[in-house]
Amino acid sequence: MSATSVAAPIRSDLRNVAIVAHVDHGKTTLVDAMLRQSGAFSERAELVDRVMDSNDLEREKGITILAKNTAVRRMTEDGPVTINVVDTPGHADFGGEVERGLSMVDGVVLLVDASEGPLPQTRFVLRKTLAAKLPVILVVNKVDRPDARCAEVVDEVHDLLLDLASELDDGEGAVDMDAILDLPVIYASARAGRASLTAPADGELPEDEDMKAVFDTLLEHVPAPTGDTEAPLRALVTNLDASSFLGRIALCRIHAGTLRKGQTVGWCREDGTVEKVRLTELLITQNLDRVPAEQAAAGDLGAIAGDTGFLPTSSWNGRIRGDFLNMTAEICGNRFGRGLVCPGGVNWDLDPAACRGLLDRLRAGWRDVKGAVDVMFASPSVLDRLTGTGCVSLRTAEDFGMVGVAARACGLPRDARRHAPLSRLPLEDTDIRTAQGGDVLGRATVRRLEVADSVRLVEADLQHLARLGEEEKLREGESDTALWRAPMPDTLPGGMLAVAQVEGWRGELCHVAVTDAEGRFGVYKIYDPSWHNWSGLEMALRGEQISDFPLCNKSFNLSYCGHDL
């Protein structure tokens, strides 16, 4: 029996194309024009130039740094076609981004300035294109420049292509010379939103009044992707991104099979190991936005999130947090404890019945917290994600004066509850929780252990308060709720220095007060843990990927306003 090969199905409803060019030749402006003329923006939408330059540095410099994609929807006689356009950097310094962008597409638009012609960086990105054996479409942009020289630029591009083709023939495989000689050429003014297949006079606009020539040429010359949607899943991750809500995101091109939200896939690493990961979110691009999707098939470009262990714990703790805030509200009427603490003591105290009620709620809340946190720490993908990410050494923690959880995760045993104790709670039975390595896992581990310690201490305190209330014999007519307050002087002594330290949930808080000769505050300075630890976060991020920033940032969980009051 002879084997027969079956051609892979063709996705005629899809095209994947990259735009490559030298810096400032108009790639992003061309994408703007395509988006506008494809109806990507509503009539009321605020139209911003260079919409693909999505970060501040790109907008400031007018250049593309990160490869990114948009999806343009075009109606044809055969139905709608989605054109995924990958905008790549035009500078050799970002060559890795160019190569990753080219690995996602089936064709390339080479954009060249009608006056400057092909420049050194054009040669760099074009060589990558020919090496990948991708078809090329030439767009001569800015034809309305007064110094435009369209015919000469086209000849220069042909010469460059032939030169690169001969180089690649010598060492990296044959190049289709016929395709180079028959290179389709479009003349455009992207800023004016016009393009034509006919060369205009130098310095004049293209004869057509829209970008139809660009769309039609793309659909004709860029091959539709192929791939069997029923085959086993095969997708290539080409880049990483990050989301404040989803964590690390992998950008990929699906070559075979179908990718589904919630699916368990094999994550193949460079060292040959394979890890099972459940996809918590699947996103596809519509115009400029990533939108959730239930599935994506062979040929599609997608974005996937797989940090599975974070999401259940995050969801549960969001609900559990409300339970603990409600306990605080029961004491003083405010979920955040406003008005509870006053100079010398508290404004509200607890009777025995209230203590017993809070004890029951505390124990129930702790069971929920422990269950949610245990799920996260039992997930291999979470442990792998946290281990070795955002490391701060013990020496760095000491040099920068780090405090709190961030310091103790580096092995530095700093805890104001021991160094400046203010409570009669049984701290002697509580170790200073530390970890080694100073990574995100260390910070999470210390926090986990200290939550358990805090629950135990609060439980002991509530039991103690309940016993005191039951043992006290209140005099007749006295309130059944006795407030504990230290006596406060009418005036402060003059010329004094006072220092108070307390261990807050982020770390050590230090208040320094200096009175003048008349007993008034001359200086009042607050040093909060965030002030100490921002430099530690900076050190943790050195050498890390951009996608690791949200994880490192949340593991420090610092105060942006600068005071933990």
Protein backbone atom coordinates (compact mmCIF):
# COMPACT_ATOMS: atom_id res chain seq x y z
CA MET A 1 0.00 0.00 0.00
CA SER A 2 1.51 3.29 -1.01
CA ALA A 3 1.35 6.22 1.31
CA THR A 4 -0.42 9.31 0.04
CA SER A 5 0.13 12.79 1.40
CA VAL A 6 -2.88 14.92 2.24
CA ALA A 7 -2.55 18.67 1.79
CA ALA A 8 -3.16 20.64 4.97
CA PRO A 9 -6.37 22.68 4.98
CA ILE A 10 -6.02 26.32 3.95
CA ARG A 11 -7.38 29.14 6.13
CA SER A 12 -8.69 31.38 3.34
CA ASP A 13 -10.25 33.68 5.95
CA LEU A 14 -6.88 34.66 7.41
CA ARG A 15 -3.58 36.31 6.48
CA ASN A 16 -0.55 36.84 8.72
CA VAL A 17 1.87 39.55 7.59
CA ALA A 18 4.71 41.53 9.13
CA ILE A 19 5.76 45.08 8.28
CA VAL A 20 9.52 45.64 8.27
CA ALA A 21 11.41 48.84 7.54
CA HIS A 22 14.14 51.17 8.68
CA VAL A 23 13.39 53.42 11.66
CA ASP A 24 10.99 56.28 10.84
CA HIS A 25 10.00 55.10 7.36
CA GLY A 26 6.34 55.00 8.40
CA LYS A 27 5.45 51.44 9.49
CA THR A 28 3.17 52.48 12.34
CA THR A 29 1.59 55.27 10.28
CA LEU A 30 0.73 52.73 7.57
CA VAL A 31 -0.99 50.51 10.14
CA ASP A 32 -2.92 53.57 11.38
CA ALA A 33 -4.27 54.17 7.89
CA MET A 34 -5.23 50.50 7.44
CA LEU A 35 -7.09 50.48 10.75
CA ARG A 36 -8.98 53.66 9.97
CA GLN A 37 -10.05 52.50 6.52
CA SER A 38 -11.09 49.06 7.76
CA GLY A 39 -13.57 50.61 10.19
CA ALA A 40 -11.62 49.73 13.32
CA PHE A 41 -12.57 53.03 14.99
CA SER A 42 -16.09 54.25 15.65
CA GLU A 43 -17.16 57.70 14.54
CA ARG A 44 -16.85 58.99 18.11
CA ALA A 45 -13.48 57.41 18.79
CA GLU A 46 -10.57 59.73 19.48
CA LEU A 47 -8.08 59.08 16.68
CA VAL A 48 -4.50 59.09 17.94
CA ASP A 49 -1.49 59.08 15.65
CA ARG A 50 0.77 56.01 15.81
CA VAL A 51 -1.75 53.91 17.73
CA MET A 52 0.59 50.90 17.54
CA ASP A 53 3.26 52.73 19.57
CA SER A 54 1.73 51.58 22.83
CA ASN A 55 4.31 52.55 25.45
CA ASP A 56 5.55 55.98 26.48
CA LEU A 57 9.11 55.54 25.15
CA GLU A 58 7.83 54.50 21.71
CA ARG A 59 5.55 57.54 21.52
CA GLU A 60 8.29 59.87 22.73
CA LYS A 61 10.90 58.62 20.26
CA GLY A 62 8.51 57.83 17.41
CA ILE A 63 10.00 54.35 16.98
CA THR A 64 8.84 50.78 17.45
CA ILE A 65 10.69 48.80 20.13
CA LEU A 66 8.43 45.82 20.86
CA ALA A 67 6.97 43.59 18.14
CA LYS A 68 3.19 43.75 18.42
CA ASN A 69 0.24 42.91 16.26
CA THR A 70 -3.14 44.18 15.28
CA ALA A 71 -5.97 42.55 13.37
CA VAL A 72 -7.59 44.30 10.39
CA ARG A 73 -10.88 42.90 9.12
CA ARG A 74 -11.48 43.21 5.36
CA MET A 75 -14.62 42.28 3.44
CA THR A 76 -14.07 40.40 0.15
CA GLU A 77 -16.29 38.67 -2.39
CA ASP A 78 -15.63 35.38 -0.60
CA GLY A 79 -16.46 36.75 2.82
CA PRO A 80 -14.58 38.53 5.60
CA VAL A 81 -10.81 38.07 5.90
CA THR A 82 -8.79 38.89 9.01
CA ILE A 83 -5.35 40.33 8.32
CA ASN A 84 -3.05 39.96 11.33
CA VAL A 85 -0.43 42.71 10.97
CA VAL A 86 2.74 42.37 13.06
CA ASP A 87 4.57 45.68 13.49
CA THR A 88 8.28 44.97 14.07
CA PRO A 89 11.14 47.22 15.22
CA GLY A 90 13.31 48.73 12.50
CA HIS A 91 16.56 48.93 14.45
CA ALA A 92 19.23 46.23 14.64
CA ASP A 93 19.40 46.70 18.42
CA PHE A 94 15.97 45.06 18.58
CA GLY A 95 16.84 42.26 16.16
CA GLY A 96 15.42 39.58 18.45
CA GLU A 97 12.02 41.24 18.24
CA VAL A 98 12.26 41.23 14.41
CA GLU A 99 13.05 37.52 14.25
CA ARG A 100 10.25 36.65 16.66
CA GLY A 101 7.83 38.72 14.61
CA LEU A 102 8.84 37.01 11.36
CA SER A 103 8.30 33.57 12.89
CA MET A 104 4.59 34.38 13.28
CA VAL A 105 3.79 35.38 9.68
CA ASP A 106 3.53 34.06 6.12
CA GLY A 107 4.57 37.21 4.25
CA VAL A 108 6.29 40.56 4.66
CA VAL A 109 5.58 44.13 3.66
CA LEU A 110 8.86 45.96 3.08
CA LEU A 111 8.32 49.66 3.64
CA VAL A 112 10.88 52.08 2.16
CA ASP A 113 10.99 55.88 2.23
CA ALA A 114 10.58 57.33 -1.29
CA SER A 115 13.45 59.74 -0.68
CA GLU A 116 15.88 57.92 1.59
CA GLY A 117 15.55 54.53 -0.06
CA PRO A 118 16.86 51.35 1.56
CA LEU A 119 19.20 52.07 4.47
CA PRO A 120 21.50 49.83 6.55
CA GLN A 121 18.73 48.73 8.90
CA THR A 122 16.56 47.90 5.87
CA ARG A 123 19.27 45.49 4.79
CA PHE A 124 19.30 43.92 8.24
CA VAL A 125 15.56 43.20 8.46
CA LEU A 126 15.30 42.24 4.77
CA ARG A 127 18.04 39.66 5.13
CA LYS A 128 16.06 38.09 7.99
CA THR A 129 13.01 38.01 5.72
CA LEU A 130 14.74 36.30 2.80
CA ALA A 131 16.41 33.80 5.14
CA ALA A 132 12.93 32.85 6.37
CA LYS A 133 11.85 32.41 2.70
CA LEU A 134 8.86 34.72 3.09
CA PRO A 135 7.24 36.49 0.11
CA VAL A 136 7.90 40.23 0.00
CA ILE A 137 5.67 43.15 -1.00
CA LEU A 138 7.40 46.49 -1.53
CA VAL A 139 5.63 49.66 -0.38
CA VAL A 140 7.34 52.90 -1.37
CA ASN A 141 6.05 55.32 1.25
CA LYS A 142 6.04 59.12 1.45
CA VAL A 143 5.85 59.51 -2.34
CA ASP A 144 4.54 63.05 -1.81
CA ARG A 145 7.82 64.24 -0.32
CA PRO A 146 9.32 67.08 -2.41
CA ASP A 147 12.56 65.11 -2.73
CA ALA A 148 10.89 61.79 -3.63
CA ARG A 149 12.63 59.61 -6.25
CA CYS A 150 10.33 56.64 -6.62
CA ALA A 151 11.86 54.90 -9.66
CA GLU A 152 15.39 55.08 -8.26
CA VAL A 153 14.26 53.71 -4.89
CA VAL A 154 12.55 50.73 -6.54
CA ASP A 155 15.75 49.96 -8.47
CA GLU A 156 17.80 50.24 -5.29
CA VAL A 157 15.51 47.77 -3.52
CA HIS A 158 15.78 45.32 -6.43
CA ASP A 159 19.57 45.59 -6.32
CA LEU A 160 19.56 45.05 -2.56
CA LEU A 161 17.31 41.99 -2.84
CA LEU A 162 19.49 40.46 -5.52
CA ASP A 163 22.61 41.15 -3.49
CA LEU A 164 21.14 39.53 -0.38
CA ALA A 165 19.81 36.61 -2.42
CA SER A 166 23.29 35.90 -3.76
CA GLU A 167 24.73 36.00 -0.23
CA LEU A 168 22.11 33.58 1.03
CA ASP A 169 22.65 31.27 -1.97
CA ASP A 170 26.27 30.95 -0.89
CA GLY A 171 25.55 29.80 2.63
CA GLU A 172 21.94 29.72 3.86
CA GLY A 173 19.89 28.11 1.09
CA ALA A 174 18.49 29.09 -2.27
CA VAL A 175 16.20 32.11 -2.70
CA ASP A 176 13.43 32.29 -5.31
CA MET A 177 14.92 34.73 -7.81
CA ASP A 178 11.73 34.88 -9.88
CA ALA A 179 9.82 36.15 -6.86
CA ILE A 180 12.38 38.91 -6.41
CA LEU A 181 12.19 39.99 -10.05
CA ASP A 182 8.37 39.94 -9.96
CA LEU A 183 8.24 41.86 -6.69
CA PRO A 184 4.85 43.63 -6.32
CA VAL A 185 5.29 47.36 -5.75
CA ILE A 186 2.82 49.76 -4.10
CA TYR A 187 3.26 53.54 -3.99
CA ALA A 188 1.79 55.12 -0.87
CA SER A 189 1.43 58.15 1.32
CA ALA A 190 0.46 56.52 4.60
CA ARG A 191 -0.13 59.84 6.33
CA ALA A 192 -2.61 60.84 3.60
CA GLY A 193 -4.18 57.36 3.63
CA ARG A 194 -3.62 56.80 -0.11
CA ALA A 195 -1.92 54.05 -2.12
CA SER A 196 -1.75 52.93 -5.75
CA LEU A 197 -0.11 50.31 -7.96
CA THR A 198 0.79 53.06 -10.43
CA ALA A 199 3.82 55.21 -9.74
CA PRO A 200 2.89 58.90 -9.33
CA ALA A 201 5.15 61.73 -10.37
CA ASP A 202 7.82 62.43 -7.78
CA GLY A 203 6.38 64.63 -5.01
CA GLU A 204 2.77 63.85 -5.94
CA LEU A 205 0.13 61.84 -4.08
CA PRO A 206 -0.92 58.37 -5.38
CA GLU A 207 -3.79 58.49 -7.82
CA ASP A 208 -6.10 56.30 -5.71
CA GLU A 209 -7.76 58.00 -2.77
CA ASP A 210 -7.69 55.09 -0.34
CA MET A 211 -5.57 52.11 0.75
CA LYS A 212 -7.42 49.51 -1.37
CA ALA A 213 -4.25 48.70 -3.33
CA VAL A 214 -2.53 47.66 -0.10
CA PHE A 215 -5.36 45.38 1.01
CA ASP A 216 -5.81 43.78 -2.41
CA THR A 217 -2.09 43.13 -2.85
CA LEU A 218 -1.82 41.58 0.61
CA LEU A 219 -4.71 39.22 -0.06
CA GLU A 220 -3.27 38.23 -3.44
CA HIS A 221 0.41 37.76 -2.65
CA VAL A 222 0.54 36.69 1.00
CA PRO A 223 -0.37 32.99 1.19
CA ALA A 224 -3.17 31.93 3.51
CA PRO A 225 -1.92 29.91 6.49
CA THR A 226 -2.31 26.14 6.42
CA GLY A 227 -2.80 23.67 9.21
CA ASP A 228 -5.03 20.79 10.23
CA THR A 229 -7.35 21.95 12.99
CA GLU A 230 -8.08 18.30 13.90
CA ALA A 231 -4.42 17.36 14.31
CA PRO A 232 -2.64 17.25 17.69
CA LEU A 233 -1.97 20.74 19.02
CA ARG A 234 1.32 22.33 17.97
CA ALA A 235 1.97 26.01 18.76
CA LEU A 236 5.18 28.04 18.84
CA VAL A 237 5.64 30.64 21.59
CA THR A 238 7.42 33.63 20.06
CA ASN A 239 7.32 36.27 22.78
CA LEU A 240 6.26 37.06 26.34
CA ASP A 241 4.09 39.82 27.72
CA ALA A 242 2.50 40.56 31.07
CA SER A 243 -0.86 41.59 32.47
CA SER A 244 -1.70 42.94 35.92
CA PHE A 245 -4.63 40.52 36.04
CA LEU A 246 -3.34 37.45 34.21
CA GLY A 247 0.37 37.58 35.04
CA ARG A 248 2.76 36.25 32.40
CA ILE A 249 1.29 35.91 28.90
CA ALA A 250 2.78 33.83 26.08
CA LEU A 251 2.27 35.03 22.49
CA CYS A 252 2.13 32.19 20.02
CA ARG A 253 1.39 31.05 16.47
CA ILE A 254 -0.73 27.92 16.22
CA HIS A 255 0.64 25.59 13.52
CA ALA A 256 -1.70 22.62 14.00
CA GLY A 257 -4.69 21.63 16.04
CA THR A 258 -6.99 23.84 18.10
CA LEU A 259 -6.18 25.74 21.28
CA ARG A 260 -9.00 26.02 23.82
CA LYS A 261 -9.46 28.01 27.00
CA GLY A 262 -9.15 25.71 30.02
CA GLN A 263 -7.24 23.10 28.02
CA THR A 264 -4.31 21.25 29.58
CA VAL A 265 -1.27 21.39 27.28
CA GLY A 266 2.31 20.23 27.35
CA TRP A 267 4.74 23.13 27.87
CA CYS A 268 7.93 22.05 26.07
CA ARG A 269 11.11 23.65 27.40
CA GLU A 270 14.44 24.13 25.68
CA ASP A 271 16.10 21.49 27.87
CA GLY A 272 13.67 18.83 26.60
CA THR A 273 11.42 18.68 29.66
CA VAL A 274 7.64 18.88 29.29
CA GLU A 275 5.36 20.36 31.95
CA LYS A 276 1.58 20.07 31.99
CA VAL A 277 -0.08 23.50 32.20
CA ARG A 278 -3.74 24.42 32.22
CA LEU A 279 -4.57 27.48 30.10
CA THR A 280 -6.52 29.88 32.27
CA GLU A 281 -7.11 32.44 29.53
CA LEU A 282 -6.98 32.59 25.73
CA LEU A 283 -6.90 35.94 23.94
CA ILE A 284 -7.00 36.88 20.27
CA THR A 285 -6.53 40.29 18.67
CA GLN A 286 -9.38 42.38 17.34
CA ASN A 287 -8.17 45.66 15.89
CA LEU A 288 -5.83 46.90 18.66
CA ASP A 289 -7.32 44.99 21.57
CA ARG A 290 -6.81 41.52 22.97
CA VAL A 291 -10.19 39.98 23.64
CA PRO A 292 -11.05 36.68 25.36
CA ALA A 293 -11.85 33.73 23.09
CA GLU A 294 -12.98 30.18 23.69
CA GLN A 295 -10.72 28.69 21.03
CA ALA A 296 -8.19 29.47 18.29
CA ALA A 297 -7.28 27.19 15.39
CA ALA A 298 -4.25 26.44 13.22
CA GLY A 299 -3.01 29.65 11.57
CA ASP A 300 -4.26 31.97 14.32
CA LEU A 301 -2.07 34.20 16.45
CA GLY A 302 -3.03 34.01 20.11
CA ALA A 303 -2.03 34.99 23.62
CA ILE A 304 -2.30 32.47 26.44
CA ALA A 305 -2.02 32.67 30.22
CA GLY A 306 -1.16 29.63 32.27
CA ASP A 307 -0.25 30.72 35.82
CA THR A 308 -2.97 28.38 37.08
CA GLY A 309 -2.19 28.41 40.79
CA PHE A 310 -2.67 32.14 41.26
CA LEU A 311 -6.25 32.49 40.11
CA PRO A 312 -8.17 30.22 42.55
CA THR A 313 -6.27 31.61 45.53
CA SER A 314 -6.70 35.18 44.31
CA SER A 315 -10.45 34.70 43.84
CA TRP A 316 -10.98 33.06 47.23
CA ASN A 317 -8.87 35.58 49.11
CA GLY A 318 -10.82 38.43 47.54
CA ARG A 319 -13.93 37.11 49.26
CA ILE A 320 -12.10 36.19 52.50
CA ARG A 321 -10.62 39.68 52.76
CA GLY A 322 -14.13 41.07 52.98
CA ASP A 323 -14.88 38.76 55.93
CA PHE A 324 -11.91 40.09 57.89
CA LEU A 325 -12.73 43.72 57.06
CA ASN A 326 -16.26 43.13 58.35
CA MET A 327 -14.82 41.94 61.68
CA THR A 328 -13.01 45.27 62.02
CA ALA A 329 -16.24 47.10 61.20
CA GLU A 330 -18.00 45.22 64.00
CA ILE A 331 -15.50 46.65 66.51
CA CYS A 332 -15.48 50.31 65.48
CA GLY A 333 -18.03 50.76 62.71
CA ASN A 334 -15.46 51.13 59.92
CA ARG A 335 -14.07 48.31 57.76
CA PHE A 336 -10.63 49.94 57.69
CA GLY A 337 -10.49 50.66 61.43
CA ARG A 338 -10.74 54.44 61.15
CA GLY A 339 -11.19 55.99 64.59
CA LEU A 340 -10.35 52.81 66.48
CA VAL A 341 -6.91 53.87 67.71
CA CYS A 342 -6.45 57.14 69.57
CA PRO A 343 -3.54 58.68 71.54
CA GLY A 344 -2.99 56.49 74.56
CA GLY A 345 -5.32 53.63 73.61
CA VAL A 346 -8.53 52.84 71.72
CA ASN A 347 -11.95 54.41 71.35
CA TRP A 348 -13.83 51.08 71.52
CA ASP A 349 -13.24 47.98 73.57
CA LEU A 350 -14.77 44.48 73.48
CA ASP A 351 -17.00 42.74 76.00
CA PRO A 352 -16.67 38.95 76.51
CA ALA A 353 -19.57 38.14 74.15
CA ALA A 354 -18.02 40.19 71.36
CA CYS A 355 -14.65 38.49 71.93
CA ARG A 356 -16.20 35.03 71.66
CA GLY A 357 -18.07 35.99 68.48
CA LEU A 358 -14.92 37.32 66.85
CA LEU A 359 -13.02 34.21 67.92
CA ASP A 360 -15.49 31.98 66.05
CA ARG A 361 -15.30 34.16 62.94
CA LEU A 362 -11.50 34.34 63.12
CA ARG A 363 -11.17 30.55 63.24
CA ALA A 364 -13.59 30.11 60.32
CA GLY A 365 -11.74 32.75 58.33
CA TRP A 366 -8.38 31.13 59.03
CA ARG A 367 -9.64 27.78 57.74
CA ASP A 368 -10.63 29.49 54.49
CA VAL A 369 -7.32 31.35 54.21
CA LYS A 370 -5.27 28.24 54.88
CA GLY A 371 -7.18 26.23 52.29
CA ALA A 372 -6.78 28.90 49.60
CA VAL A 373 -3.07 29.42 50.26
CA ASP A 374 -2.36 25.68 50.41
CA VAL A 375 -3.81 25.31 46.91
CA MET A 376 -1.36 27.88 45.57
CA PHE A 377 1.68 26.38 47.29
CA ALA A 378 0.72 22.89 46.09
CA SER A 379 0.83 23.94 42.43
CA PRO A 380 4.11 22.97 40.70
CA SER A 381 3.62 25.70 38.08
CA VAL A 382 3.35 28.35 40.80
CA LEU A 383 6.42 27.14 42.66
CA ASP A 384 8.37 27.08 39.41
CA ARG A 385 7.15 30.58 38.56
CA LEU A 386 8.08 32.04 41.97
CA THR A 387 11.40 30.30 42.47
CA GLY A 388 14.39 32.37 41.41
CA THR A 389 12.29 35.34 40.27
CA GLY A 390 13.06 38.82 41.66
CA CYS A 391 16.00 37.80 43.87
CA VAL A 392 17.55 40.16 46.42
CA SER A 393 20.69 39.03 48.24
CA LEU A 394 21.20 39.24 52.00
CA ARG A 395 24.05 41.70 51.44
CA THR A 396 21.82 43.97 49.33
CA ALA A 397 19.04 43.83 51.94
CA GLU A 398 21.50 44.93 54.61
CA ASP A 399 23.08 47.67 52.48
CA PHE A 400 19.71 49.19 51.52
CA GLY A 401 18.23 48.91 55.00
CA MET A 402 15.31 46.75 53.91
CA VAL A 403 12.70 45.89 56.52
CA GLY A 404 9.66 43.70 57.01
CA VAL A 405 8.75 40.68 54.91
CA ALA A 406 11.07 41.77 52.09
CA ALA A 407 14.08 41.78 54.45
CA ARG A 408 13.17 38.57 56.26
CA ALA A 409 12.75 36.76 52.92
CA CYS A 410 16.44 37.53 52.28
CA GLY A 411 17.44 35.93 55.59
CA LEU A 412 17.67 39.23 57.51
CA PRO A 413 15.92 38.76 60.91
CA ARG A 414 14.54 42.27 61.39
CA ASP A 415 11.27 42.46 63.33
CA ALA A 416 10.26 45.41 65.53
CA ARG A 417 8.00 43.10 67.55
CA ARG A 418 11.22 41.62 68.97
CA HIS A 419 13.54 44.63 68.83
CA ALA A 420 11.00 47.10 70.28
CA PRO A 421 8.23 45.03 71.92
CA LEU A 422 5.12 46.93 73.02
CA SER A 423 2.75 44.06 73.78
CA ARG A 424 2.27 41.37 76.39
CA LEU A 425 1.33 38.86 73.72
CA PRO A 426 3.24 35.52 73.84
CA LEU A 427 5.89 36.53 71.31
CA GLU A 428 8.47 34.36 73.02
CA ASP A 429 6.84 31.34 71.34
CA THR A 430 7.03 32.94 67.89
CA ASP A 431 10.15 32.71 65.80
CA ILE A 432 11.19 35.49 63.45
CA ARG A 433 10.13 34.00 60.14
CA THR A 434 12.88 34.14 57.54
CA ALA A 435 13.69 32.57 54.19
CA GLN A 436 16.79 32.25 52.06
CA GLY A 437 17.33 33.50 48.52
CA GLY A 438 15.22 36.66 48.63
CA ASP A 439 13.05 35.64 45.66
CA VAL A 440 9.28 35.92 45.19
CA LEU A 441 8.82 32.45 46.67
CA GLY A 442 10.72 33.54 49.80
CA ARG A 443 8.53 36.61 50.24
CA ALA A 444 5.38 34.55 49.73
CA THR A 445 6.58 31.89 52.18
CA VAL A 446 7.39 34.42 54.91
CA ARG A 447 4.00 36.07 54.43
CA ARG A 448 2.28 32.69 54.63
CA LEU A 449 4.00 31.79 57.91
CA GLU A 450 3.37 35.23 59.43
CA VAL A 451 -0.33 35.09 58.62
CA ALA A 452 -0.51 31.87 60.66
CA ASP A 453 1.43 33.52 63.50
CA SER A 454 -0.84 36.58 63.42
CA VAL A 455 -3.97 34.45 63.67
CA ARG A 456 -2.52 32.64 66.67
CA LEU A 457 -1.59 35.92 68.40
CA VAL A 458 -4.97 37.55 67.75
CA GLU A 459 -6.69 34.41 69.00
CA ALA A 460 -4.66 34.52 72.22
CA ASP A 461 -5.44 38.22 72.66
CA LEU A 462 -9.21 37.72 72.22
CA GLN A 463 -9.18 34.85 74.72
CA HIS A 464 -7.30 37.04 77.22
CA LEU A 465 -9.75 39.94 76.80
CA ALA A 466 -12.70 37.60 77.25
CA ARG A 467 -11.28 36.24 80.52
CA LEU A 468 -10.58 39.75 81.87
CA GLY A 469 -14.13 40.82 81.17
CA GLU A 470 -15.62 37.81 82.89
CA GLU A 471 -13.38 38.18 85.96
CA GLU A 472 -13.90 41.90 86.50
CA LYS A 473 -16.52 42.91 88.97
CA LEU A 474 -17.90 46.15 87.59
CA ARG A 475 -19.24 48.62 90.10
CA GLU A 476 -22.95 49.39 89.96
CA GLY A 477 -23.81 51.92 87.31
CA GLU A 478 -20.51 51.53 85.46
CA SER A 479 -20.55 50.80 81.74
CA ASP A 480 -20.22 47.16 80.79
CA THR A 481 -17.47 48.11 78.34
CA ALA A 482 -14.32 49.50 79.93
CA LEU A 483 -11.91 51.39 77.70
CA TRP A 484 -8.19 51.00 78.20
CA ARG A 485 -6.31 54.25 77.75
CA ALA A 486 -3.01 55.44 79.11
CA PRO A 487 -3.20 58.81 80.89
CA MET A 488 -2.27 61.63 78.53
CA PRO A 489 -0.56 64.85 79.73
CA ASP A 490 -2.18 68.19 79.05
CA THR A 491 1.05 69.46 77.49
CA LEU A 492 4.14 67.78 76.10
CA PRO A 493 7.52 68.31 77.75
CA GLY A 494 9.76 70.75 75.91
CA GLY A 495 13.05 69.98 74.17
CA MET A 496 12.43 66.25 73.99
CA LEU A 497 13.05 63.56 71.38
CA ALA A 498 10.62 60.63 71.15
CA VAL A 499 10.98 57.54 68.92
CA ALA A 500 8.27 54.91 68.47
CA GLN A 501 8.60 51.69 66.47
CA VAL A 502 5.93 49.18 65.54
CA GLU A 503 5.91 46.27 63.09
CA GLY A 504 3.25 46.95 60.47
CA TRP A 505 2.13 44.36 57.94
CA ARG A 506 4.64 45.72 55.39
CA GLY A 507 7.41 46.08 57.95
CA GLU A 508 8.79 48.44 60.53
CA LEU A 509 7.12 51.84 61.02
CA CYS A 510 9.15 54.45 62.87
CA HIS A 511 7.78 57.78 64.14
CA VAL A 512 10.22 60.42 65.37
CA ALA A 513 8.97 63.53 67.21
CA VAL A 514 10.96 66.50 68.52
CA THR A 515 9.34 69.16 70.69
CA ASP A 516 10.48 72.76 70.98
CA ALA A 517 11.06 74.62 74.24
CA GLU A 518 7.32 75.24 74.69
CA GLY A 519 6.33 71.59 74.16
CA ARG A 520 5.02 72.00 70.63
CA PHE A 521 6.02 69.71 67.80
CA GLY A 522 9.07 71.13 66.06
CA VAL A 523 9.74 68.05 63.92
CA TYR A 524 7.60 65.02 63.20
CA LYS A 525 9.12 62.50 60.82
CA ILE A 526 7.70 59.17 59.67
CA TYR A 527 9.83 56.41 58.17
CA ASP A 528 7.66 53.75 56.63
CA PRO A 529 8.64 50.33 55.24
CA SER A 530 7.87 51.32 51.67
CA TRP A 531 10.41 54.14 51.91
CA HIS A 532 13.05 51.58 52.85
CA ASN A 533 12.02 48.86 50.39
CA TRP A 534 11.49 50.69 47.07
CA SER A 535 15.22 50.39 46.36
CA GLY A 536 14.97 46.69 47.13
CA LEU A 537 12.28 46.29 44.49
CA GLU A 538 14.52 48.07 42.00
CA MET A 539 17.32 45.59 42.72
CA ALA A 540 14.91 42.65 42.46
CA LEU A 541 13.93 43.72 38.94
CA ARG A 542 17.48 43.98 37.60
CA GLY A 543 18.09 41.33 34.97
CA GLU A 544 14.45 40.19 34.99
CA GLN A 545 12.05 40.11 32.04
CA ILE A 546 9.43 42.80 31.65
CA SER A 547 6.77 40.14 32.20
CA ASP A 548 8.15 39.55 35.72
CA PHE A 549 7.47 43.11 36.89
CA PRO A 550 3.86 42.59 38.09
CA LEU A 551 4.88 39.51 40.06
CA CYS A 552 7.88 41.18 41.72
CA ASN A 553 5.92 44.36 42.38
CA LYS A 554 3.06 42.49 44.09
CA SER A 555 5.46 40.41 46.16
CA PHE A 556 6.83 43.63 47.73
CA ASN A 557 3.32 45.22 47.79
CA LEU A 558 4.61 48.69 48.61
CA SER A 559 2.69 51.88 49.21
CA TYR A 560 2.77 54.33 46.30
CA CYS A 561 1.80 57.26 48.49
CA GLY A 562 4.88 56.68 50.63
CA HIS A 563 3.34 56.42 54.12
CA ASP A 564 1.81 53.33 55.67
CA LEU A 565 -0.53 55.06 58.06
